Amino acid sequence: MVSTSDHSQTVESSQQNLAPYSMGYRIKLLSQLFSRKFSEKLEPFGLTPFHWLVLCCLWQEDGLPTSSIGDKLKQVGGTLTGVLDRMEERGLVQRERDSHDRRIWRIWLTDAGRELETILPPISADLREQAMQGFSVTERELLTQLINRAIANLS
């Protein structure tokens, strides 16, 4: 016979696998909330969170091949190509053929793309601080470690 306590724990445990209580759903909700808030902050610049990600890659290493950006962001080429088209139209990046391999397109920041490096990171940092309000430094580090481990487990 199953005790009431065991039954309650089983029901509670199975509830954690169902939306809106499941870890996957909660992470998706956090991602959507963060993306929505960040989109609102980027909108005055005519940018999306995906533009931000591409800019971050190029701020770290300008002149990356398109494929390297896609690899870093875990994106398929078609999606990235459209984003790069729009960024090029806005004058944030320019594409150039690789001098050693004409099949490769390298993406370079323009002056306008470089200027955003002084403007956008503080906006992102403010949003991160809003999300992490009330978290200790230790909790922030632990959360980052746990998320990274879960990503590695599923990659």
N, C-alpha and C. Protein backbone atom coordinates (compact mmCIF):
# COMPACT_ATOMS: atom_id res chain seq x y z
N MET A 1 0.84 -1.18 0.00
CA MET A 1 0.00 0.00 0.00
C MET A 1 0.89 1.25 0.00
N VAL A 2 0.50 2.24 -0.80
CA VAL A 2 1.26 3.49 -0.91
C VAL A 2 0.77 4.45 0.16
N SER A 3 1.71 5.00 0.92
CA SER A 3 1.32 5.94 1.97
C SER A 3 0.87 7.26 1.36
N THR A 4 0.11 8.02 2.12
CA THR A 4 -0.38 9.33 1.68
C THR A 4 0.79 10.25 1.36
N SER A 5 1.84 10.17 2.18
CA SER A 5 3.02 11.01 1.98
C SER A 5 3.70 10.67 0.65
N ASP A 6 3.88 9.36 0.37
CA ASP A 6 4.49 8.93 -0.89
C ASP A 6 3.64 9.36 -2.08
N HIS A 7 2.33 9.20 -1.94
CA HIS A 7 1.41 9.59 -3.03
C HIS A 7 1.50 11.10 -3.28
N SER A 8 1.53 11.90 -2.22
CA SER A 8 1.63 13.36 -2.36
C SER A 8 2.92 13.75 -3.04
N GLN A 9 4.02 13.09 -2.67
CA GLN A 9 5.31 13.39 -3.29
C GLN A 9 5.30 13.01 -4.77
N THR A 10 4.67 11.89 -5.13
CA THR A 10 4.60 11.45 -6.51
C THR A 10 3.77 12.44 -7.34
N VAL A 11 2.62 12.87 -6.79
CA VAL A 11 1.78 13.84 -7.49
C VAL A 11 2.53 15.15 -7.66
N GLU A 12 3.19 15.61 -6.59
CA GLU A 12 3.95 16.87 -6.65
C GLU A 12 5.08 16.75 -7.67
N SER A 13 5.75 15.60 -7.69
CA SER A 13 6.85 15.39 -8.62
C SER A 13 6.34 15.38 -10.07
N SER A 14 5.22 14.75 -10.31
CA SER A 14 4.68 14.71 -11.68
C SER A 14 4.17 16.09 -12.10
N GLN A 15 3.68 16.90 -11.16
CA GLN A 15 3.25 18.26 -11.47
C GLN A 15 4.41 19.09 -12.01
N GLN A 16 5.62 18.83 -11.48
CA GLN A 16 6.78 19.59 -11.92
C GLN A 16 7.17 19.29 -13.36
N ASN A 17 6.61 18.26 -13.95
CA ASN A 17 6.86 17.93 -15.35
C ASN A 17 5.83 18.55 -16.28
N LEU A 18 4.81 19.17 -15.73
CA LEU A 18 3.73 19.72 -16.53
C LEU A 18 3.79 21.25 -16.51
N ALA A 19 3.49 21.85 -17.67
CA ALA A 19 3.37 23.31 -17.72
C ALA A 19 2.18 23.70 -16.86
N PRO A 20 2.20 24.78 -16.18
CA PRO A 20 3.23 25.83 -16.16
C PRO A 20 4.28 25.64 -15.08
N TYR A 21 4.44 24.42 -14.55
CA TYR A 21 5.37 24.19 -13.45
C TYR A 21 6.70 23.58 -13.91
N SER A 22 6.76 23.08 -15.13
CA SER A 22 7.96 22.37 -15.57
C SER A 22 9.13 23.32 -15.76
N MET A 23 10.31 22.79 -15.59
CA MET A 23 11.52 23.58 -15.74
C MET A 23 11.61 24.15 -17.16
N GLY A 24 11.33 23.33 -18.15
CA GLY A 24 11.40 23.80 -19.54
C GLY A 24 10.46 24.96 -19.80
N TYR A 25 9.26 24.86 -19.30
CA TYR A 25 8.29 25.94 -19.48
C TYR A 25 8.76 27.21 -18.77
N ARG A 26 9.26 27.06 -17.55
CA ARG A 26 9.70 28.23 -16.77
C ARG A 26 10.89 28.92 -17.45
N ILE A 27 11.81 28.13 -17.99
CA ILE A 27 12.95 28.70 -18.71
C ILE A 27 12.47 29.40 -19.97
N LYS A 28 11.53 28.79 -20.68
CA LYS A 28 10.98 29.42 -21.88
C LYS A 28 10.28 30.73 -21.53
N LEU A 29 9.52 30.74 -20.44
CA LEU A 29 8.84 31.95 -20.00
C LEU A 29 9.85 33.05 -19.67
N LEU A 30 10.90 32.70 -18.94
CA LEU A 30 11.95 33.67 -18.63
C LEU A 30 12.59 34.21 -19.91
N SER A 31 12.87 33.33 -20.84
CA SER A 31 13.46 33.74 -22.11
C SER A 31 12.53 34.69 -22.87
N GLN A 32 11.26 34.37 -22.90
CA GLN A 32 10.29 35.23 -23.60
C GLN A 32 10.17 36.60 -22.92
N LEU A 33 10.11 36.61 -21.60
CA LEU A 33 10.02 37.88 -20.88
C LEU A 33 11.27 38.72 -21.12
N PHE A 34 12.43 38.08 -21.03
CA PHE A 34 13.68 38.79 -21.24
C PHE A 34 13.74 39.32 -22.68
N SER A 35 13.37 38.49 -23.63
CA SER A 35 13.41 38.89 -25.04
C SER A 35 12.45 40.05 -25.31
N ARG A 36 11.26 39.98 -24.73
CA ARG A 36 10.28 41.05 -24.93
C ARG A 36 10.79 42.38 -24.37
N LYS A 37 11.32 42.33 -23.15
CA LYS A 37 11.85 43.56 -22.53
C LYS A 37 13.05 44.10 -23.32
N PHE A 38 13.92 43.20 -23.76
CA PHE A 38 15.10 43.63 -24.51
C PHE A 38 14.69 44.19 -25.87
N SER A 39 13.71 43.57 -26.49
CA SER A 39 13.19 44.08 -27.77
C SER A 39 12.68 45.51 -27.62
N GLU A 40 11.98 45.76 -26.54
CA GLU A 40 11.46 47.11 -26.27
C GLU A 40 12.61 48.12 -26.15
N LYS A 41 13.69 47.70 -25.51
CA LYS A 41 14.83 48.60 -25.32
C LYS A 41 15.63 48.80 -26.61
N LEU A 42 15.63 47.79 -27.49
CA LEU A 42 16.37 47.88 -28.75
C LEU A 42 15.57 48.56 -29.86
N GLU A 43 14.25 48.59 -29.70
CA GLU A 43 13.36 49.11 -30.75
C GLU A 43 13.72 50.53 -31.19
N PRO A 44 14.05 51.46 -30.29
CA PRO A 44 14.41 52.81 -30.74
C PRO A 44 15.63 52.84 -31.67
N PHE A 45 16.45 51.78 -31.62
CA PHE A 45 17.62 51.70 -32.48
C PHE A 45 17.34 50.91 -33.77
N GLY A 46 16.10 50.42 -33.91
CA GLY A 46 15.74 49.61 -35.07
C GLY A 46 16.40 48.24 -35.06
N LEU A 47 16.66 47.72 -33.86
CA LEU A 47 17.36 46.45 -33.73
C LEU A 47 16.49 45.42 -33.02
N THR A 48 16.87 44.16 -33.19
CA THR A 48 16.22 43.04 -32.51
C THR A 48 17.26 42.36 -31.62
N PRO A 49 16.82 41.48 -30.71
CA PRO A 49 17.79 40.72 -29.92
C PRO A 49 18.77 39.91 -30.78
N PHE A 50 18.31 39.44 -31.95
CA PHE A 50 19.22 38.69 -32.82
C PHE A 50 20.30 39.61 -33.40
N HIS A 51 19.93 40.85 -33.75
CA HIS A 51 20.94 41.82 -34.19
C HIS A 51 21.98 42.01 -33.10
N TRP A 52 21.51 42.13 -31.85
CA TRP A 52 22.40 42.30 -30.70
C TRP A 52 23.40 41.16 -30.63
N LEU A 53 22.93 39.92 -30.81
CA LEU A 53 23.82 38.76 -30.73
C LEU A 53 24.90 38.81 -31.80
N VAL A 54 24.50 39.18 -33.02
CA VAL A 54 25.48 39.28 -34.11
C VAL A 54 26.49 40.38 -33.80
N LEU A 55 26.00 41.52 -33.34
CA LEU A 55 26.91 42.62 -32.98
C LEU A 55 27.89 42.18 -31.90
N CYS A 56 27.42 41.45 -30.89
CA CYS A 56 28.30 40.97 -29.83
C CYS A 56 29.42 40.10 -30.40
N CYS A 57 29.08 39.21 -31.32
CA CYS A 57 30.10 38.36 -31.95
C CYS A 57 31.15 39.22 -32.64
N LEU A 58 30.70 40.23 -33.37
CA LEU A 58 31.61 41.06 -34.14
C LEU A 58 32.39 42.03 -33.26
N TRP A 59 31.82 42.47 -32.16
CA TRP A 59 32.57 43.32 -31.23
C TRP A 59 33.73 42.52 -30.63
N GLN A 60 33.51 41.22 -30.44
CA GLN A 60 34.56 40.37 -29.89
C GLN A 60 35.61 40.02 -30.94
N GLU A 61 35.17 39.82 -32.18
CA GLU A 61 36.09 39.48 -33.27
C GLU A 61 35.48 39.93 -34.58
N ASP A 62 35.92 41.07 -35.06
CA ASP A 62 35.41 41.63 -36.30
C ASP A 62 35.93 40.81 -37.49
N GLY A 63 35.15 40.76 -38.55
CA GLY A 63 35.58 40.07 -39.76
C GLY A 63 35.37 38.57 -39.73
N LEU A 64 34.45 38.11 -38.90
CA LEU A 64 34.17 36.67 -38.82
C LEU A 64 33.49 36.19 -40.11
N PRO A 65 33.78 34.96 -40.50
CA PRO A 65 32.99 34.36 -41.59
C PRO A 65 31.55 34.16 -41.13
N THR A 66 30.63 34.24 -42.06
CA THR A 66 29.22 34.03 -41.74
C THR A 66 29.01 32.71 -41.01
N SER A 67 29.69 31.67 -41.46
CA SER A 67 29.52 30.34 -40.84
C SER A 67 29.96 30.35 -39.38
N SER A 68 31.00 31.11 -39.05
CA SER A 68 31.46 31.18 -37.65
C SER A 68 30.44 31.87 -36.77
N ILE A 69 29.81 32.92 -37.30
CA ILE A 69 28.76 33.60 -36.53
C ILE A 69 27.62 32.62 -36.28
N GLY A 70 27.22 31.91 -37.33
CA GLY A 70 26.15 30.92 -37.19
C GLY A 70 26.50 29.84 -36.17
N ASP A 71 27.75 29.37 -36.19
CA ASP A 71 28.19 28.36 -35.23
C ASP A 71 28.12 28.88 -33.81
N LYS A 72 28.60 30.10 -33.60
CA LYS A 72 28.60 30.68 -32.26
C LYS A 72 27.18 30.85 -31.73
N LEU A 73 26.26 31.22 -32.63
CA LEU A 73 24.89 31.50 -32.22
C LEU A 73 23.96 30.30 -32.39
N LYS A 74 24.50 29.19 -32.88
CA LYS A 74 23.71 27.97 -33.10
C LYS A 74 22.51 28.25 -34.02
N GLN A 75 22.77 29.01 -35.09
CA GLN A 75 21.71 29.39 -36.02
C GLN A 75 21.93 28.76 -37.38
N VAL A 76 20.84 28.53 -38.08
CA VAL A 76 20.94 28.03 -39.45
C VAL A 76 21.25 29.19 -40.38
N GLY A 77 21.92 28.90 -41.48
CA GLY A 77 22.39 29.92 -42.40
C GLY A 77 21.31 30.83 -42.96
N GLY A 78 20.15 30.27 -43.34
CA GLY A 78 19.10 31.08 -43.93
C GLY A 78 18.62 32.19 -43.00
N THR A 79 18.44 31.86 -41.75
CA THR A 79 18.00 32.84 -40.77
C THR A 79 19.05 33.93 -40.60
N LEU A 80 20.29 33.52 -40.48
CA LEU A 80 21.39 34.46 -40.29
C LEU A 80 21.56 35.34 -41.52
N THR A 81 21.41 34.76 -42.69
CA THR A 81 21.56 35.53 -43.93
C THR A 81 20.56 36.68 -43.97
N GLY A 82 19.32 36.43 -43.61
CA GLY A 82 18.31 37.49 -43.60
C GLY A 82 18.63 38.58 -42.59
N VAL A 83 19.11 38.18 -41.42
CA VAL A 83 19.48 39.14 -40.38
C VAL A 83 20.65 40.00 -40.88
N LEU A 84 21.64 39.36 -41.48
CA LEU A 84 22.79 40.10 -42.01
C LEU A 84 22.37 41.04 -43.14
N ASP A 85 21.41 40.60 -43.96
CA ASP A 85 20.89 41.49 -45.02
C ASP A 85 20.34 42.77 -44.41
N ARG A 86 19.51 42.62 -43.39
CA ARG A 86 18.90 43.80 -42.76
C ARG A 86 19.94 44.67 -42.05
N MET A 87 20.92 44.04 -41.44
CA MET A 87 21.97 44.81 -40.76
C MET A 87 22.83 45.57 -41.79
N GLU A 88 23.04 44.95 -42.92
CA GLU A 88 23.80 45.62 -43.98
C GLU A 88 22.99 46.79 -44.55
N GLU A 89 21.69 46.59 -44.75
CA GLU A 89 20.82 47.66 -45.23
C GLU A 89 20.82 48.85 -44.27
N ARG A 90 20.94 48.59 -42.98
CA ARG A 90 20.95 49.65 -41.96
C ARG A 90 22.34 50.27 -41.79
N GLY A 91 23.31 49.73 -42.52
CA GLY A 91 24.66 50.29 -42.45
C GLY A 91 25.44 49.90 -41.22
N LEU A 92 25.10 48.77 -40.60
CA LEU A 92 25.79 48.32 -39.39
C LEU A 92 26.95 47.38 -39.70
N VAL A 93 26.83 46.63 -40.79
CA VAL A 93 27.87 45.68 -41.19
C VAL A 93 28.07 45.77 -42.70
N GLN A 94 29.20 45.22 -43.12
CA GLN A 94 29.43 45.06 -44.56
C GLN A 94 30.02 43.68 -44.78
N ARG A 95 29.69 43.09 -45.92
CA ARG A 95 30.19 41.76 -46.27
C ARG A 95 31.31 41.91 -47.29
N GLU A 96 32.32 41.09 -47.11
CA GLU A 96 33.42 41.04 -48.09
C GLU A 96 33.81 39.59 -48.29
N ARG A 97 34.16 39.27 -49.52
CA ARG A 97 34.68 37.92 -49.81
C ARG A 97 36.03 37.75 -49.14
N ASP A 98 36.27 36.55 -48.64
CA ASP A 98 37.56 36.23 -48.05
C ASP A 98 38.62 36.25 -49.15
N SER A 99 39.76 36.86 -48.87
CA SER A 99 40.79 37.00 -49.89
C SER A 99 41.45 35.67 -50.25
N HIS A 100 41.36 34.66 -49.38
CA HIS A 100 41.99 33.36 -49.63
C HIS A 100 41.00 32.30 -50.12
N ASP A 101 39.72 32.50 -49.83
CA ASP A 101 38.69 31.53 -50.22
C ASP A 101 37.43 32.29 -50.61
N ARG A 102 37.21 32.43 -51.90
CA ARG A 102 36.11 33.25 -52.42
C ARG A 102 34.73 32.71 -52.04
N ARG A 103 34.65 31.49 -51.55
CA ARG A 103 33.35 30.94 -51.13
C ARG A 103 32.91 31.53 -49.79
N ILE A 104 33.86 32.07 -49.05
CA ILE A 104 33.59 32.56 -47.69
C ILE A 104 33.32 34.05 -47.71
N TRP A 105 32.23 34.42 -47.03
CA TRP A 105 31.92 35.84 -46.81
C TRP A 105 32.31 36.20 -45.40
N ARG A 106 33.06 37.27 -45.25
CA ARG A 106 33.42 37.79 -43.93
C ARG A 106 32.54 38.99 -43.62
N ILE A 107 32.17 39.12 -42.36
CA ILE A 107 31.28 40.20 -41.92
C ILE A 107 32.10 41.18 -41.09
N TRP A 108 32.05 42.44 -41.48
CA TRP A 108 32.81 43.49 -40.81
C TRP A 108 31.87 44.57 -40.30
N LEU A 109 32.16 45.07 -39.14
CA LEU A 109 31.39 46.19 -38.59
C LEU A 109 31.70 47.46 -39.36
N THR A 110 30.70 48.29 -39.54
CA THR A 110 30.91 49.63 -40.05
C THR A 110 31.13 50.54 -38.84
N ASP A 111 31.39 51.81 -39.10
CA ASP A 111 31.53 52.76 -37.99
C ASP A 111 30.25 52.80 -37.15
N ALA A 112 29.10 52.75 -37.82
CA ALA A 112 27.82 52.77 -37.10
C ALA A 112 27.67 51.54 -36.21
N GLY A 113 28.10 50.39 -36.70
CA GLY A 113 28.05 49.16 -35.89
C GLY A 113 28.98 49.22 -34.70
N ARG A 114 30.15 49.82 -34.90
CA ARG A 114 31.12 49.97 -33.80
C ARG A 114 30.60 50.95 -32.74
N GLU A 115 29.93 52.01 -33.19
CA GLU A 115 29.41 53.01 -32.25
C GLU A 115 28.44 52.40 -31.25
N LEU A 116 27.67 51.42 -31.71
CA LEU A 116 26.68 50.80 -30.83
C LEU A 116 27.31 50.05 -29.66
N GLU A 117 28.60 49.75 -29.76
CA GLU A 117 29.28 49.03 -28.68
C GLU A 117 29.36 49.87 -27.41
N THR A 118 29.30 51.17 -27.53
CA THR A 118 29.31 52.02 -26.34
C THR A 118 27.90 52.27 -25.81
N ILE A 119 26.89 52.03 -26.65
CA ILE A 119 25.50 52.34 -26.29
C ILE A 119 24.73 51.13 -25.77
N LEU A 120 24.86 50.00 -26.47
CA LEU A 120 23.99 48.86 -26.18
C LEU A 120 24.38 48.02 -24.96
N PRO A 121 25.66 47.74 -24.71
CA PRO A 121 25.98 46.91 -23.53
C PRO A 121 25.44 47.46 -22.21
N PRO A 122 25.47 48.77 -21.96
CA PRO A 122 24.87 49.24 -20.71
C PRO A 122 23.35 48.98 -20.65
N ILE A 123 22.67 49.01 -21.78
CA ILE A 123 21.24 48.71 -21.82
C ILE A 123 21.01 47.26 -21.45
N SER A 124 21.83 46.37 -22.00
CA SER A 124 21.74 44.95 -21.68
C SER A 124 22.05 44.71 -20.20
N ALA A 125 23.08 45.39 -19.70
CA ALA A 125 23.46 45.22 -18.29
C ALA A 125 22.34 45.68 -17.35
N ASP A 126 21.66 46.76 -17.70
CA ASP A 126 20.55 47.24 -16.88
C ASP A 126 19.43 46.21 -16.82
N LEU A 127 19.13 45.59 -17.96
CA LEU A 127 18.07 44.58 -18.00
C LEU A 127 18.49 43.35 -17.19
N ARG A 128 19.75 42.94 -17.32
CA ARG A 128 20.24 41.81 -16.53
C ARG A 128 20.11 42.12 -15.04
N GLU A 129 20.46 43.35 -14.65
CA GLU A 129 20.35 43.73 -13.24
C GLU A 129 18.90 43.70 -12.78
N GLN A 130 17.99 44.12 -13.64
CA GLN A 130 16.57 44.06 -13.28
C GLN A 130 16.14 42.62 -13.05
N ALA A 131 16.57 41.72 -13.94
CA ALA A 131 16.20 40.31 -13.80
C ALA A 131 16.84 39.66 -12.57
N MET A 132 18.02 40.09 -12.20
CA MET A 132 18.77 39.48 -11.11
C MET A 132 18.60 40.21 -9.78
N GLN A 133 17.69 41.17 -9.75
CA GLN A 133 17.45 41.94 -8.53
C GLN A 133 17.17 40.99 -7.37
N GLY A 134 17.88 41.19 -6.28
CA GLY A 134 17.68 40.36 -5.10
C GLY A 134 18.52 39.10 -5.08
N PHE A 135 19.27 38.81 -6.16
CA PHE A 135 20.16 37.66 -6.21
C PHE A 135 21.52 38.08 -5.67
N SER A 136 22.11 37.26 -4.82
CA SER A 136 23.47 37.53 -4.35
C SER A 136 24.45 37.20 -5.48
N VAL A 137 25.68 37.65 -5.33
CA VAL A 137 26.73 37.33 -6.31
C VAL A 137 26.88 35.82 -6.43
N THR A 138 26.86 35.13 -5.31
CA THR A 138 26.98 33.67 -5.30
C THR A 138 25.82 33.03 -6.05
N GLU A 139 24.61 33.51 -5.82
CA GLU A 139 23.44 32.95 -6.51
C GLU A 139 23.52 33.20 -8.01
N ARG A 140 23.99 34.38 -8.41
CA ARG A 140 24.14 34.70 -9.83
C ARG A 140 25.14 33.75 -10.48
N GLU A 141 26.28 33.54 -9.83
CA GLU A 141 27.30 32.64 -10.36
C GLU A 141 26.77 31.21 -10.44
N LEU A 142 26.07 30.77 -9.40
CA LEU A 142 25.52 29.42 -9.39
C LEU A 142 24.48 29.25 -10.50
N LEU A 143 23.61 30.22 -10.67
CA LEU A 143 22.60 30.14 -11.72
C LEU A 143 23.27 30.02 -13.09
N THR A 144 24.29 30.82 -13.33
CA THR A 144 25.01 30.75 -14.60
C THR A 144 25.63 29.38 -14.80
N GLN A 145 26.25 28.85 -13.76
CA GLN A 145 26.87 27.52 -13.85
C GLN A 145 25.83 26.44 -14.13
N LEU A 146 24.70 26.51 -13.45
CA LEU A 146 23.65 25.50 -13.65
C LEU A 146 23.06 25.56 -15.05
N ILE A 147 22.81 26.78 -15.54
CA ILE A 147 22.28 26.93 -16.90
C ILE A 147 23.28 26.40 -17.91
N ASN A 148 24.56 26.76 -17.74
CA ASN A 148 25.60 26.27 -18.66
C ASN A 148 25.68 24.75 -18.65
N ARG A 149 25.55 24.15 -17.47
CA ARG A 149 25.60 22.69 -17.38
C ARG A 149 24.40 22.05 -18.08
N ALA A 150 23.22 22.63 -17.90
CA ALA A 150 22.02 22.09 -18.55
C ALA A 150 22.15 22.21 -20.08
N ILE A 151 22.69 23.34 -20.55
CA ILE A 151 22.90 23.52 -22.00
C ILE A 151 23.88 22.46 -22.51
N ALA A 152 24.98 22.27 -21.79
CA ALA A 152 25.97 21.26 -22.19
C ALA A 152 25.35 19.86 -22.19
N ASN A 153 24.51 19.55 -21.21
CA ASN A 153 23.87 18.25 -21.14
C ASN A 153 22.98 17.98 -22.35
N LEU A 154 22.36 19.03 -22.88
CA LEU A 154 21.43 18.84 -24.00
C LEU A 154 22.07 19.09 -25.37
N SER A 155 23.30 19.57 -25.37
CA SER A 155 23.97 19.86 -26.65
C SER A 155 24.60 18.62 -27.25
